[in-house]
Amino acid sequence: MNYHQRSHRRVQQKKSIPMIFFKIGAAIVILVFAIGNITVFAKSVQLSDNIVTLETDIQKVKKENVELEKKLYSQNSMENLEIMAKQLGFLKQAGPISLDDQHYALAR
């Protein structure tokens, strides 16, 4: 082998070493991105399940709220209020009291 061939071989070896490091580095970066992608996907599936569960809970609470509103309205209905007033001894007045009448005037 002559001098020129030996120096060419050394230059080739020097070029191949950085290329190996570059390939290893690129493989590590791709591996890290793949692991990150899998982790994000798993978390998004978990969050999706949580959202579905919470939406179901919201629907249950809305139904309970409607039922409670119906009970409240039935408790506050005029018939029910009249029954409760009779039980508590309230009297139904014949008409409104007007302060315009003379016998309700204040003495000066």
N, C-alpha and C. Protein backbone atom coordinates (compact mmCIF):
# COMPACT_ATOMS: atom_id res chain seq x y z
N MET A 1 0.83 -1.17 0.00
CA MET A 1 0.00 0.00 0.00
C MET A 1 0.88 1.24 0.00
N ASN A 2 0.51 2.14 -0.80
CA ASN A 2 1.29 3.36 -0.84
C ASN A 2 0.75 4.39 0.16
N TYR A 3 1.42 5.48 0.24
CA TYR A 3 1.07 6.52 1.21
C TYR A 3 -0.31 7.09 0.95
N HIS A 4 -0.64 7.28 -0.28
CA HIS A 4 -1.92 7.88 -0.65
C HIS A 4 -3.09 6.98 -0.23
N GLN A 5 -2.97 5.69 -0.41
CA GLN A 5 -4.04 4.76 -0.04
C GLN A 5 -4.22 4.71 1.48
N ARG A 6 -3.11 4.74 2.24
CA ARG A 6 -3.21 4.72 3.70
C ARG A 6 -3.86 5.99 4.23
N SER A 7 -3.52 7.11 3.70
CA SER A 7 -4.13 8.36 4.18
C SER A 7 -5.62 8.41 3.80
N HIS A 8 -5.96 7.86 2.66
CA HIS A 8 -7.37 7.82 2.25
C HIS A 8 -8.18 6.93 3.20
N ARG A 9 -7.57 5.81 3.61
CA ARG A 9 -8.24 4.90 4.54
C ARG A 9 -8.46 5.57 5.90
N ARG A 10 -7.49 6.34 6.39
CA ARG A 10 -7.63 7.05 7.66
C ARG A 10 -8.73 8.10 7.58
N VAL A 11 -8.82 8.79 6.49
CA VAL A 11 -9.87 9.80 6.30
C VAL A 11 -11.23 9.12 6.29
N GLN A 12 -11.33 7.97 5.66
CA GLN A 12 -12.60 7.23 5.63
C GLN A 12 -12.98 6.79 7.03
N GLN A 13 -12.03 6.32 7.83
CA GLN A 13 -12.32 5.90 9.20
C GLN A 13 -12.77 7.09 10.04
N LYS A 14 -12.13 8.24 9.87
CA LYS A 14 -12.51 9.43 10.62
C LYS A 14 -13.93 9.88 10.24
N LYS A 15 -14.31 9.74 8.99
CA LYS A 15 -15.66 10.11 8.56
C LYS A 15 -16.70 9.11 9.08
N SER A 16 -16.34 7.84 9.16
CA SER A 16 -17.32 6.84 9.56
C SER A 16 -17.61 6.89 11.06
N ILE A 17 -16.66 7.30 11.90
CA ILE A 17 -16.89 7.38 13.34
C ILE A 17 -17.96 8.43 13.68
N PRO A 18 -17.86 9.66 13.18
CA PRO A 18 -18.94 10.61 13.47
C PRO A 18 -20.28 10.16 12.89
N MET A 19 -20.27 9.48 11.78
CA MET A 19 -21.51 9.01 11.18
C MET A 19 -22.18 7.97 12.07
N ILE A 20 -21.40 7.12 12.72
CA ILE A 20 -21.95 6.12 13.64
C ILE A 20 -22.59 6.83 14.83
N PHE A 21 -21.90 7.84 15.39
CA PHE A 21 -22.47 8.60 16.51
C PHE A 21 -23.76 9.31 16.09
N PHE A 22 -23.76 9.83 14.88
CA PHE A 22 -24.97 10.50 14.38
C PHE A 22 -26.13 9.51 14.27
N LYS A 23 -25.86 8.33 13.74
CA LYS A 23 -26.92 7.32 13.60
C LYS A 23 -27.42 6.86 14.97
N ILE A 24 -26.51 6.65 15.92
CA ILE A 24 -26.92 6.25 17.27
C ILE A 24 -27.74 7.36 17.92
N GLY A 25 -27.28 8.59 17.77
CA GLY A 25 -28.02 9.72 18.33
C GLY A 25 -29.41 9.85 17.72
N ALA A 26 -29.49 9.68 16.41
CA ALA A 26 -30.79 9.76 15.74
C ALA A 26 -31.71 8.63 16.22
N ALA A 27 -31.16 7.45 16.41
CA ALA A 27 -31.97 6.32 16.89
C ALA A 27 -32.47 6.59 18.30
N ILE A 28 -31.63 7.17 19.15
CA ILE A 28 -32.05 7.50 20.52
C ILE A 28 -33.16 8.55 20.50
N VAL A 29 -33.00 9.57 19.67
CA VAL A 29 -34.03 10.61 19.58
C VAL A 29 -35.35 10.02 19.10
N ILE A 30 -35.30 9.17 18.10
CA ILE A 30 -36.52 8.54 17.58
C ILE A 30 -37.16 7.66 18.66
N LEU A 31 -36.34 6.94 19.41
CA LEU A 31 -36.85 6.10 20.49
C LEU A 31 -37.52 6.94 21.58
N VAL A 32 -36.90 8.05 21.94
CA VAL A 32 -37.48 8.94 22.96
C VAL A 32 -38.81 9.50 22.46
N PHE A 33 -38.87 9.93 21.21
CA PHE A 33 -40.13 10.43 20.65
C PHE A 33 -41.20 9.35 20.61
N ALA A 34 -40.81 8.13 20.28
CA ALA A 34 -41.79 7.03 20.24
C ALA A 34 -42.35 6.75 21.63
N ILE A 35 -41.47 6.73 22.63
CA ILE A 35 -41.93 6.50 24.01
C ILE A 35 -42.83 7.65 24.46
N GLY A 36 -42.44 8.87 24.13
CA GLY A 36 -43.28 10.02 24.47
C GLY A 36 -44.64 9.96 23.80
N ASN A 37 -44.66 9.56 22.55
CA ASN A 37 -45.92 9.44 21.81
C ASN A 37 -46.82 8.38 22.44
N ILE A 38 -46.26 7.26 22.82
CA ILE A 38 -47.04 6.19 23.46
C ILE A 38 -47.59 6.68 24.80
N THR A 39 -46.77 7.40 25.56
CA THR A 39 -47.22 7.93 26.85
C THR A 39 -48.36 8.92 26.68
N VAL A 40 -48.24 9.82 25.73
CA VAL A 40 -49.30 10.80 25.48
C VAL A 40 -50.58 10.10 25.03
N PHE A 41 -50.45 9.09 24.20
CA PHE A 41 -51.62 8.35 23.74
C PHE A 41 -52.32 7.66 24.91
N ALA A 42 -51.54 7.03 25.79
CA ALA A 42 -52.13 6.34 26.94
C ALA A 42 -52.83 7.33 27.86
N LYS A 43 -52.23 8.49 28.08
CA LYS A 43 -52.86 9.50 28.93
C LYS A 43 -54.14 10.03 28.29
N SER A 44 -54.14 10.21 26.98
CA SER A 44 -55.35 10.72 26.32
C SER A 44 -56.49 9.71 26.39
N VAL A 45 -56.17 8.43 26.32
CA VAL A 45 -57.20 7.39 26.48
C VAL A 45 -57.76 7.43 27.90
N GLN A 46 -56.88 7.58 28.88
CA GLN A 46 -57.31 7.66 30.27
C GLN A 46 -58.18 8.89 30.49
N LEU A 47 -57.79 10.03 29.95
CA LEU A 47 -58.60 11.25 30.08
C LEU A 47 -59.94 11.10 29.40
N SER A 48 -59.96 10.43 28.26
CA SER A 48 -61.22 10.20 27.56
C SER A 48 -62.18 9.37 28.42
N ASP A 49 -61.66 8.35 29.07
CA ASP A 49 -62.49 7.54 29.97
C ASP A 49 -63.02 8.38 31.13
N ASN A 50 -62.16 9.24 31.68
CA ASN A 50 -62.60 10.11 32.78
C ASN A 50 -63.69 11.07 32.32
N ILE A 51 -63.56 11.60 31.12
CA ILE A 51 -64.57 12.52 30.58
C ILE A 51 -65.90 11.81 30.43
N VAL A 52 -65.88 10.60 29.91
CA VAL A 52 -67.13 9.84 29.74
C VAL A 52 -67.78 9.59 31.10
N THR A 53 -66.99 9.22 32.10
CA THR A 53 -67.52 8.98 33.44
C THR A 53 -68.12 10.25 34.02
N LEU A 54 -67.42 11.36 33.86
CA LEU A 54 -67.93 12.63 34.40
C LEU A 54 -69.20 13.08 33.67
N GLU A 55 -69.27 12.86 32.37
CA GLU A 55 -70.49 13.21 31.63
C GLU A 55 -71.67 12.37 32.10
N THR A 56 -71.43 11.10 32.40
CA THR A 56 -72.50 10.25 32.93
C THR A 56 -72.95 10.76 34.29
N ASP A 57 -72.00 11.14 35.13
CA ASP A 57 -72.34 11.70 36.44
C ASP A 57 -73.13 12.99 36.30
N ILE A 58 -72.76 13.83 35.35
CA ILE A 58 -73.48 15.09 35.12
C ILE A 58 -74.93 14.80 34.72
N GLN A 59 -75.14 13.82 33.86
CA GLN A 59 -76.51 13.48 33.46
C GLN A 59 -77.32 13.00 34.65
N LYS A 60 -76.71 12.20 35.53
CA LYS A 60 -77.42 11.72 36.73
C LYS A 60 -77.80 12.90 37.63
N VAL A 61 -76.87 13.82 37.81
CA VAL A 61 -77.13 14.98 38.67
C VAL A 61 -78.22 15.86 38.06
N LYS A 62 -78.22 16.01 36.74
CA LYS A 62 -79.27 16.80 36.08
C LYS A 62 -80.64 16.16 36.29
N LYS A 63 -80.72 14.84 36.19
CA LYS A 63 -81.99 14.15 36.42
C LYS A 63 -82.45 14.34 37.86
N GLU A 64 -81.52 14.20 38.81
CA GLU A 64 -81.86 14.41 40.21
C GLU A 64 -82.33 15.85 40.44
N ASN A 65 -81.70 16.80 39.77
CA ASN A 65 -82.07 18.20 39.91
C ASN A 65 -83.49 18.43 39.40
N VAL A 66 -83.84 17.82 38.28
CA VAL A 66 -85.20 17.96 37.74
C VAL A 66 -86.21 17.37 38.71
N GLU A 67 -85.89 16.21 39.28
CA GLU A 67 -86.79 15.58 40.24
C GLU A 67 -86.97 16.45 41.48
N LEU A 68 -85.88 17.04 41.96
CA LEU A 68 -85.98 17.92 43.13
C LEU A 68 -86.77 19.19 42.81
N GLU A 69 -86.62 19.72 41.61
CA GLU A 69 -87.40 20.89 41.21
C GLU A 69 -88.88 20.56 41.17
N LYS A 70 -89.22 19.38 40.65
CA LYS A 70 -90.62 18.97 40.62
C LYS A 70 -91.18 18.85 42.04
N LYS A 71 -90.40 18.27 42.95
CA LYS A 71 -90.84 18.16 44.34
C LYS A 71 -91.02 19.54 44.95
N LEU A 72 -90.10 20.45 44.66
CA LEU A 72 -90.19 21.81 45.19
C LEU A 72 -91.43 22.50 44.68
N TYR A 73 -91.69 22.39 43.38
CA TYR A 73 -92.88 23.03 42.80
C TYR A 73 -94.15 22.42 43.37
N SER A 74 -94.15 21.11 43.59
CA SER A 74 -95.35 20.49 44.16
C SER A 74 -95.55 20.93 45.61
N GLN A 75 -94.45 21.14 46.34
CA GLN A 75 -94.57 21.62 47.72
C GLN A 75 -95.05 23.06 47.77
N ASN A 76 -94.72 23.84 46.76
CA ASN A 76 -95.09 25.24 46.74
C ASN A 76 -96.37 25.50 45.95
N SER A 77 -97.06 24.47 45.55
CA SER A 77 -98.31 24.68 44.81
C SER A 77 -99.34 25.32 45.72
N MET A 78 -100.31 26.00 45.13
CA MET A 78 -101.33 26.72 45.90
C MET A 78 -102.13 25.77 46.78
N GLU A 79 -102.48 24.62 46.25
CA GLU A 79 -103.27 23.68 47.04
C GLU A 79 -102.50 23.22 48.27
N ASN A 80 -101.26 22.89 48.05
CA ASN A 80 -100.44 22.42 49.17
C ASN A 80 -100.21 23.53 50.18
N LEU A 81 -100.01 24.76 49.70
CA LEU A 81 -99.81 25.87 50.63
C LEU A 81 -101.07 26.14 51.44
N GLU A 82 -102.25 25.99 50.82
CA GLU A 82 -103.50 26.18 51.56
C GLU A 82 -103.66 25.12 52.64
N ILE A 83 -103.34 23.89 52.31
CA ILE A 83 -103.43 22.80 53.30
C ILE A 83 -102.48 23.07 54.46
N MET A 84 -101.25 23.48 54.15
CA MET A 84 -100.28 23.76 55.20
C MET A 84 -100.73 24.96 56.04
N ALA A 85 -101.34 25.97 55.41
CA ALA A 85 -101.82 27.15 56.15
C ALA A 85 -102.93 26.76 57.12
N LYS A 86 -103.83 25.89 56.68
CA LYS A 86 -104.91 25.43 57.56
C LYS A 86 -104.33 24.64 58.73
N GLN A 87 -103.33 23.81 58.45
CA GLN A 87 -102.72 23.01 59.52
C GLN A 87 -102.02 23.90 60.54
N LEU A 88 -101.45 25.00 60.08
CA LEU A 88 -100.73 25.90 60.98
C LEU A 88 -101.64 26.94 61.63
N GLY A 89 -102.91 26.96 61.23
CA GLY A 89 -103.87 27.86 61.86
C GLY A 89 -103.93 29.25 61.25
N PHE A 90 -103.44 29.43 60.06
CA PHE A 90 -103.56 30.72 59.41
C PHE A 90 -104.98 30.90 58.92
N LEU A 91 -105.45 32.16 58.94
CA LEU A 91 -106.81 32.46 58.50
C LEU A 91 -106.77 33.16 57.15
N LYS A 92 -107.80 32.91 56.37
CA LYS A 92 -107.92 33.55 55.08
C LYS A 92 -108.70 34.84 55.30
N GLN A 93 -108.16 35.96 54.93
CA GLN A 93 -108.85 37.24 55.12
C GLN A 93 -109.81 37.48 53.98
N ALA A 94 -110.88 38.21 54.29
CA ALA A 94 -111.92 38.47 53.31
C ALA A 94 -111.45 39.37 52.19
N GLY A 95 -110.66 40.35 52.49
CA GLY A 95 -110.21 41.27 51.45
C GLY A 95 -108.98 42.01 51.91
N PRO A 96 -108.38 42.76 51.01
CA PRO A 96 -107.18 43.50 51.38
C PRO A 96 -107.52 44.68 52.29
N ILE A 97 -106.61 45.00 53.15
CA ILE A 97 -106.78 46.15 54.04
C ILE A 97 -106.19 47.36 53.33
N SER A 98 -106.98 48.42 53.28
CA SER A 98 -106.53 49.63 52.63
C SER A 98 -106.24 50.68 53.68
N LEU A 99 -105.14 51.33 53.58
CA LEU A 99 -104.80 52.39 54.52
C LEU A 99 -105.51 53.69 54.17
N ASP A 100 -106.22 53.70 53.05
CA ASP A 100 -106.96 54.90 52.67
C ASP A 100 -108.23 55.07 53.51
N ASP A 101 -108.68 54.02 54.14
CA ASP A 101 -109.88 54.12 54.97
C ASP A 101 -109.61 55.05 56.15
N GLN A 102 -110.67 55.74 56.59
CA GLN A 102 -110.53 56.75 57.63
C GLN A 102 -110.19 56.14 58.98
N HIS A 103 -110.69 55.01 59.28
CA HIS A 103 -110.44 54.47 60.61
C HIS A 103 -109.01 53.92 60.78
N TYR A 104 -108.23 53.91 59.71
CA TYR A 104 -106.83 53.52 59.82
C TYR A 104 -105.90 54.73 59.80
N ALA A 105 -106.46 55.91 59.82
CA ALA A 105 -105.64 57.12 59.76
C ALA A 105 -104.89 57.29 61.07
N LEU A 106 -103.72 57.85 60.98
CA LEU A 106 -102.91 58.08 62.17
C LEU A 106 -103.37 59.35 62.87
N ALA A 107 -103.35 59.34 64.18
CA ALA A 107 -103.71 60.54 64.95
C ALA A 107 -102.53 61.48 64.95
N ARG A 108 -102.87 62.77 64.77
CA ARG A 108 -101.78 63.75 64.74
C ARG A 108 -101.78 64.56 65.97
